[in-house]
Amino acid sequence: MFWLDIVVGLSERWWLFEDDRSHALVDERHWEKTMKKSGFNEVLWSDGATPESKTVRVIGAFKRGKPNQINNAPPTEKPRQVSVETVVYKRTGGMEVHADIYYPVREEYSNKKVPIALMIHGGSHMIFSRKDIRPGLQIDSERVVVVGWSSGGQLAMSLAWTSPPRGLRPPEAILAFYCPTNYEDEWWRRPIQPIGAEDKGEKYDILEAIQEDPISDYCLVGAWEPLSDPRILTDPWCRIVLHINWKAQTLPIILGGLPSKRRADQYPDIENWNALP
């Protein structure tokens, strides 16, 4: 298999490889050396125990050292205490959809407008829940940013054009991680085999998991390493996410949905729900 790394750099030296590189991609240590050579005193990057955190990093360079160590000053603020409130933000049919609100509890914020960050979880519009988000108050509605990953990133981006028709101001910024951006691309019409959860040809009924009433979350497998959980292959609801990839059914199922077994008789033209066009 051929693997090509393509990186677009703006400086001529990048293309001429005159900065001690032998490849288009460099690790965080190279960035640290380069940034310090350019005048930055401290370079930090994100890290963690998961494979994803070793693959994608956020690197920050600071002119005067670490943010809490400028001029050797002691930390200026203790970790902020946060309170959590769960509210019902929408009702659809007989189902309540909940949201968790995180806000500081210190009194100094009670009379001050604060910015808002909305976090939308992913899960192919089918699994995971708000619990997978890690995290007396006046809200500053003019300073709102939205963050989301996977399908949550797609929903976050949609606020840019769905807010104005409803008389709402679009977010000041949208941060979307590895989310689908173009469902018209031919890629979605081809089978996808997730690494670690490939289609083994086992028989199953895609309608087995469909319930009579909608659900707002599903937490059998965790959002951070779902493919490493063997239950994703055997649990009927989780398997829908794999099915739409295996059979190139993402668009038909997300847009058109699936009926419960009891209601499947209302569609006499469809003989095999496992093989939608």
Protein backbone atom coordinates (compact mmCIF):
# COMPACT_ATOMS: atom_id res chain seq x y z
CA MET A 1 0.00 0.00 0.00
CA PHE A 2 1.34 3.44 -0.92
CA TRP A 3 1.13 6.17 1.74
CA LEU A 4 1.76 9.80 0.87
CA ASP A 5 2.09 12.65 3.37
CA ILE A 6 1.20 15.96 1.76
CA VAL A 7 1.79 19.12 3.77
CA VAL A 8 1.31 22.63 2.41
CA GLY A 9 3.81 25.13 3.81
CA LEU A 10 3.89 28.84 3.01
CA SER A 11 7.61 29.49 3.29
CA GLU A 12 10.11 28.74 0.54
CA ARG A 13 12.50 27.10 3.00
CA TRP A 14 9.85 24.51 3.72
CA TRP A 15 9.89 23.32 0.13
CA LEU A 16 13.68 23.52 -0.16
CA PHE A 17 14.23 21.47 3.03
CA GLU A 18 16.76 23.98 4.37
CA ASP A 19 15.62 23.73 8.01
CA ASP A 20 17.11 20.41 9.14
CA ARG A 21 14.19 18.30 7.92
CA SER A 22 14.25 15.14 5.84
CA HIS A 23 10.48 14.72 5.56
CA ALA A 24 7.39 16.88 5.09
CA LEU A 25 6.16 15.94 8.57
CA VAL A 26 8.14 16.56 11.75
CA ASP A 27 7.54 15.63 15.38
CA GLU A 28 6.87 17.93 18.31
CA ARG A 29 10.53 17.99 19.35
CA HIS A 30 11.52 19.45 15.99
CA TRP A 31 8.79 22.10 16.33
CA GLU A 32 10.07 22.91 19.83
CA LYS A 33 13.63 23.44 18.57
CA THR A 34 12.47 25.50 15.60
CA MET A 35 10.13 27.71 17.61
CA LYS A 36 12.72 28.39 20.28
CA LYS A 37 15.21 29.26 17.57
CA SER A 38 12.63 31.77 16.28
CA GLY A 39 12.45 33.54 19.64
CA PHE A 40 9.82 31.68 21.67
CA ASN A 41 10.94 30.82 25.20
CA GLU A 42 8.53 27.96 25.93
CA VAL A 43 6.84 25.37 23.71
CA LEU A 44 4.15 23.00 25.00
CA TRP A 45 1.93 20.41 23.31
CA SER A 46 -1.06 18.27 24.10
CA ASP A 47 -0.44 14.68 25.19
CA GLY A 48 -2.25 11.66 26.59
CA ALA A 49 -2.32 7.89 26.90
CA THR A 50 -4.56 7.15 23.89
CA PRO A 51 -3.19 6.45 20.39
CA GLU A 52 -5.12 9.45 19.06
CA SER A 53 -3.31 11.84 21.39
CA LYS A 54 0.02 10.60 20.02
CA THR A 55 -1.11 11.15 16.43
CA VAL A 56 -2.77 14.57 16.54
CA ARG A 57 -1.34 17.26 18.80
CA VAL A 58 -1.97 20.93 19.53
CA ILE A 59 1.35 22.78 19.86
CA GLY A 60 1.59 26.17 21.56
CA ALA A 61 4.56 28.53 21.69
CA PHE A 62 4.88 31.23 24.35
CA LYS A 63 7.06 34.30 24.07
CA ARG A 64 7.71 34.70 27.80
CA GLY A 65 7.59 31.13 29.08
CA LYS A 66 4.73 29.01 30.37
CA PRO A 67 1.53 31.01 30.94
CA ASN A 68 1.74 30.57 34.73
CA GLN A 69 5.52 31.04 34.92
CA ILE A 70 6.04 34.40 33.22
CA ASN A 71 8.96 36.23 34.85
CA ASN A 72 9.14 33.35 37.37
CA ALA A 73 5.86 34.53 38.90
CA PRO A 74 3.87 32.02 40.96
CA PRO A 75 0.59 30.64 39.56
CA THR A 76 -1.93 33.46 39.55
CA GLU A 77 -5.08 31.42 40.05
CA LYS A 78 -6.13 28.16 41.62
CA PRO A 79 -8.09 25.63 39.55
CA ARG A 80 -11.55 27.03 39.03
CA GLN A 81 -14.43 25.34 40.83
CA VAL A 82 -17.23 24.34 38.50
CA SER A 83 -20.87 23.53 39.16
CA VAL A 84 -22.96 21.30 36.88
CA GLU A 85 -26.67 21.71 36.20
CA THR A 86 -28.70 19.33 34.03
CA VAL A 87 -31.63 20.88 32.17
CA VAL A 88 -34.19 19.83 29.57
CA TYR A 89 -33.45 21.89 26.48
CA LYS A 90 -35.86 20.17 24.08
CA ARG A 91 -38.88 17.86 24.03
CA THR A 92 -39.75 15.73 21.03
CA GLY A 93 -42.84 13.57 21.33
CA GLY A 94 -42.68 12.08 24.80
CA MET A 95 -38.89 12.24 25.06
CA GLU A 96 -36.88 14.85 26.93
CA VAL A 97 -33.43 15.78 25.62
CA HIS A 98 -31.05 16.90 28.36
CA ALA A 99 -28.01 19.16 28.41
CA ASP A 100 -25.37 19.66 31.09
CA ILE A 101 -24.39 23.24 31.92
CA TYR A 102 -20.95 23.80 33.47
CA TYR A 103 -20.32 27.18 35.07
CA PRO A 104 -17.97 28.68 37.68
CA VAL A 105 -19.29 28.97 41.20
CA ARG A 106 -17.13 31.87 42.39
CA GLU A 107 -19.22 34.90 43.36
CA GLU A 108 -17.09 37.27 41.28
CA TYR A 109 -18.75 35.88 38.13
CA SER A 110 -22.33 36.39 39.32
CA ASN A 111 -22.58 39.97 37.97
CA LYS A 112 -20.32 39.58 34.98
CA LYS A 113 -21.24 38.40 31.51
CA VAL A 114 -19.24 35.34 30.49
CA PRO A 115 -18.65 33.72 27.08
CA ILE A 116 -20.30 30.43 26.18
CA ALA A 117 -18.81 27.27 24.69
CA LEU A 118 -21.26 24.68 23.33
CA MET A 119 -19.91 21.12 23.07
CA ILE A 120 -21.71 18.60 20.83
CA HIS A 121 -20.72 14.94 21.13
CA GLY A 122 -20.28 12.59 18.19
CA GLY A 123 -21.52 9.05 17.56
CA SER A 124 -22.84 8.91 13.97
CA HIS A 125 -26.08 10.55 15.21
CA MET A 126 -26.89 7.25 16.97
CA ILE A 127 -24.67 6.40 19.96
CA PHE A 128 -22.81 8.02 22.89
CA SER A 129 -24.23 10.75 25.09
CA ARG A 130 -23.57 14.11 26.68
CA LYS A 131 -21.78 12.20 29.49
CA ASP A 132 -18.96 11.58 27.00
CA ILE A 133 -18.11 15.31 27.05
CA ARG A 134 -15.19 16.12 29.41
CA PRO A 135 -15.17 19.26 30.56
CA GLY A 136 -26.98 33.52 39.26
CA LEU A 137 -24.97 33.67 35.95
CA GLN A 138 -25.41 36.22 33.17
CA ILE A 139 -24.81 34.89 29.66
CA ASP A 140 -23.04 36.94 27.00
CA SER A 141 -24.93 35.86 23.87
CA GLU A 142 -22.51 37.78 21.63
CA ARG A 143 -19.55 35.58 22.62
CA VAL A 144 -20.52 32.02 21.75
CA VAL A 145 -18.23 29.36 20.32
CA VAL A 146 -19.24 25.81 19.38
CA VAL A 147 -17.07 22.68 19.58
CA GLY A 148 -17.90 19.22 18.27
CA TRP A 149 -16.32 16.00 17.08
CA SER A 150 -17.41 13.55 14.37
CA SER A 151 -21.18 13.93 13.83
CA GLY A 152 -21.15 16.53 16.59
CA GLY A 153 -18.68 18.55 14.54
CA GLN A 154 -21.06 18.40 11.60
CA LEU A 155 -23.89 19.72 13.78
CA ALA A 156 -21.58 22.43 15.13
CA MET A 157 -20.74 23.62 11.61
CA SER A 158 -24.42 23.66 10.65
CA LEU A 159 -25.05 26.44 13.19
CA ALA A 160 -23.27 28.85 10.84
CA TRP A 161 -26.24 28.81 8.45
CA THR A 162 -29.13 27.49 10.58
CA SER A 163 -28.87 30.22 13.24
CA PRO A 164 -29.63 33.37 11.14
CA PRO A 165 -33.01 32.13 9.76
CA ARG A 166 -34.09 31.67 13.39
CA GLY A 167 -33.05 35.17 14.33
CA LEU A 168 -29.95 33.98 16.18
CA ARG A 169 -26.42 35.24 15.80
CA PRO A 170 -24.02 32.63 14.39
CA PRO A 171 -21.21 31.44 16.68
CA GLU A 172 -18.10 33.59 16.90
CA ALA A 173 -16.04 30.48 16.16
CA ILE A 174 -16.64 26.81 15.36
CA LEU A 175 -14.07 24.13 16.21
CA ALA A 176 -14.93 20.85 14.45
CA PHE A 177 -12.78 17.73 14.84
CA TYR A 178 -12.65 14.96 12.16
CA CYS A 179 -16.24 15.46 11.02
CA PRO A 180 -17.94 14.79 7.66
CA THR A 181 -18.12 17.92 5.53
CA ASN A 182 -19.30 16.73 2.11
CA TYR A 183 -21.91 13.99 1.96
CA GLU A 184 -22.16 14.46 -1.81
CA ASP A 185 -18.71 12.97 -2.29
CA GLU A 186 -18.55 9.59 -3.98
CA TRP A 187 -16.59 8.25 -0.98
CA TRP A 188 -19.84 7.80 0.97
CA ARG A 189 -21.19 5.48 -1.71
CA ARG A 190 -18.40 2.94 -1.21
CA PRO A 191 -18.10 0.40 1.64
CA ILE A 192 -15.85 1.46 4.53
CA GLN A 193 -14.09 -1.09 6.73
CA PRO A 194 -13.21 0.43 10.14
CA ILE A 195 -9.85 -0.89 11.34
CA GLY A 196 -10.50 -3.35 14.14
CA ALA A 197 -14.17 -3.77 13.28
CA GLU A 198 -14.16 -5.05 9.69
CA ASP A 199 -17.15 -6.83 8.17
CA LYS A 200 -16.67 -10.59 8.69
CA GLY A 201 -19.80 -11.56 6.77
CA GLU A 202 -21.78 -12.50 9.87
CA LYS A 203 -25.59 -12.58 9.58
CA TYR A 204 -27.65 -10.02 11.50
CA ASP A 205 -30.96 -8.16 11.31
CA ILE A 206 -30.45 -4.39 11.10
CA LEU A 207 -33.95 -3.77 12.49
CA GLU A 208 -33.27 -5.74 15.66
CA ALA A 209 -32.16 -2.64 17.55
CA ILE A 210 -34.86 -0.22 16.38
CA GLN A 211 -37.22 0.76 19.19
CA GLU A 212 -40.75 2.08 19.00
CA ASP A 213 -39.79 5.37 20.64
CA PRO A 214 -36.69 7.52 19.96
CA ILE A 215 -33.78 7.66 22.40
CA SER A 216 -31.47 10.60 23.11
CA ASP A 217 -28.29 8.75 24.11
CA TYR A 218 -26.68 5.32 24.15
CA CYS A 219 -23.70 4.59 26.35
CA LEU A 220 -22.88 0.88 26.09
CA VAL A 221 -19.46 1.65 24.58
CA GLY A 222 -17.32 4.67 25.39
CA ALA A 223 -16.76 7.48 22.95
CA TRP A 224 -12.98 7.56 23.19
CA GLU A 225 -12.01 4.06 22.02
CA PRO A 226 -15.22 2.40 20.79
CA LEU A 227 -13.58 0.06 18.25
CA SER A 228 -11.50 -1.57 20.99
CA ASP A 229 -14.68 -2.64 22.80
CA PRO A 230 -15.78 -6.07 21.46
CA ARG A 231 -19.40 -5.26 22.27
CA ILE A 232 -19.55 -2.89 19.31
CA LEU A 233 -19.64 -5.99 17.07
CA THR A 234 -22.38 -7.80 18.98
CA ASP A 235 -24.66 -5.10 20.37
CA PRO A 236 -27.50 -4.54 17.84
CA TRP A 237 -27.63 -0.75 18.29
CA CYS A 238 -23.88 -0.22 18.07
CA ARG A 239 -23.79 -2.50 15.04
CA ILE A 240 -25.94 -0.02 13.10
CA VAL A 241 -22.97 2.36 13.10
CA LEU A 242 -20.77 -0.37 11.66
CA HIS A 243 -23.46 -1.43 9.19
CA ILE A 244 -23.78 2.01 7.60
CA ASN A 245 -20.03 1.91 6.96
CA TRP A 246 -19.82 -1.73 5.82
CA LYS A 247 -22.70 -1.42 3.36
CA ALA A 248 -22.30 2.25 2.31
CA GLN A 249 -25.64 3.02 3.95
CA THR A 250 -24.72 6.21 5.83
CA LEU A 251 -26.92 8.57 3.83
CA PRO A 252 -30.00 6.32 3.39
CA ILE A 253 -30.16 5.50 7.10
CA ILE A 254 -29.22 8.88 8.60
CA LEU A 255 -31.56 10.79 6.29
CA GLY A 256 -34.37 8.25 5.93
CA GLY A 257 -34.14 6.35 9.20
CA LEU A 258 -35.20 2.79 9.92
CA PRO A 259 -38.58 1.47 11.13
CA SER A 260 -39.11 -0.89 14.02
CA LYS A 261 -39.90 -4.48 13.10
CA ARG A 262 -43.57 -3.85 13.87
CA ARG A 263 -43.71 -0.96 11.42
CA ALA A 264 -41.58 -2.53 8.69
CA ASP A 265 -44.76 -3.97 7.07
CA GLN A 266 -45.72 -0.42 6.13
CA TYR A 267 -42.98 -0.54 3.46
CA PRO A 268 -43.94 -3.47 1.21
CA ASP A 269 -41.51 -2.38 -1.52
CA ILE A 270 -38.48 -3.00 0.70
CA GLU A 271 -37.68 -6.70 1.02
CA ASN A 272 -34.24 -6.44 2.64
CA TRP A 273 -33.53 -3.60 5.06
CA ASN A 274 -29.90 -4.74 5.25
CA ALA A 275 -29.42 -3.73 1.62
CA LEU A 276 -31.02 -0.36 0.99
CA PRO A 277 -30.21 1.30 -2.36
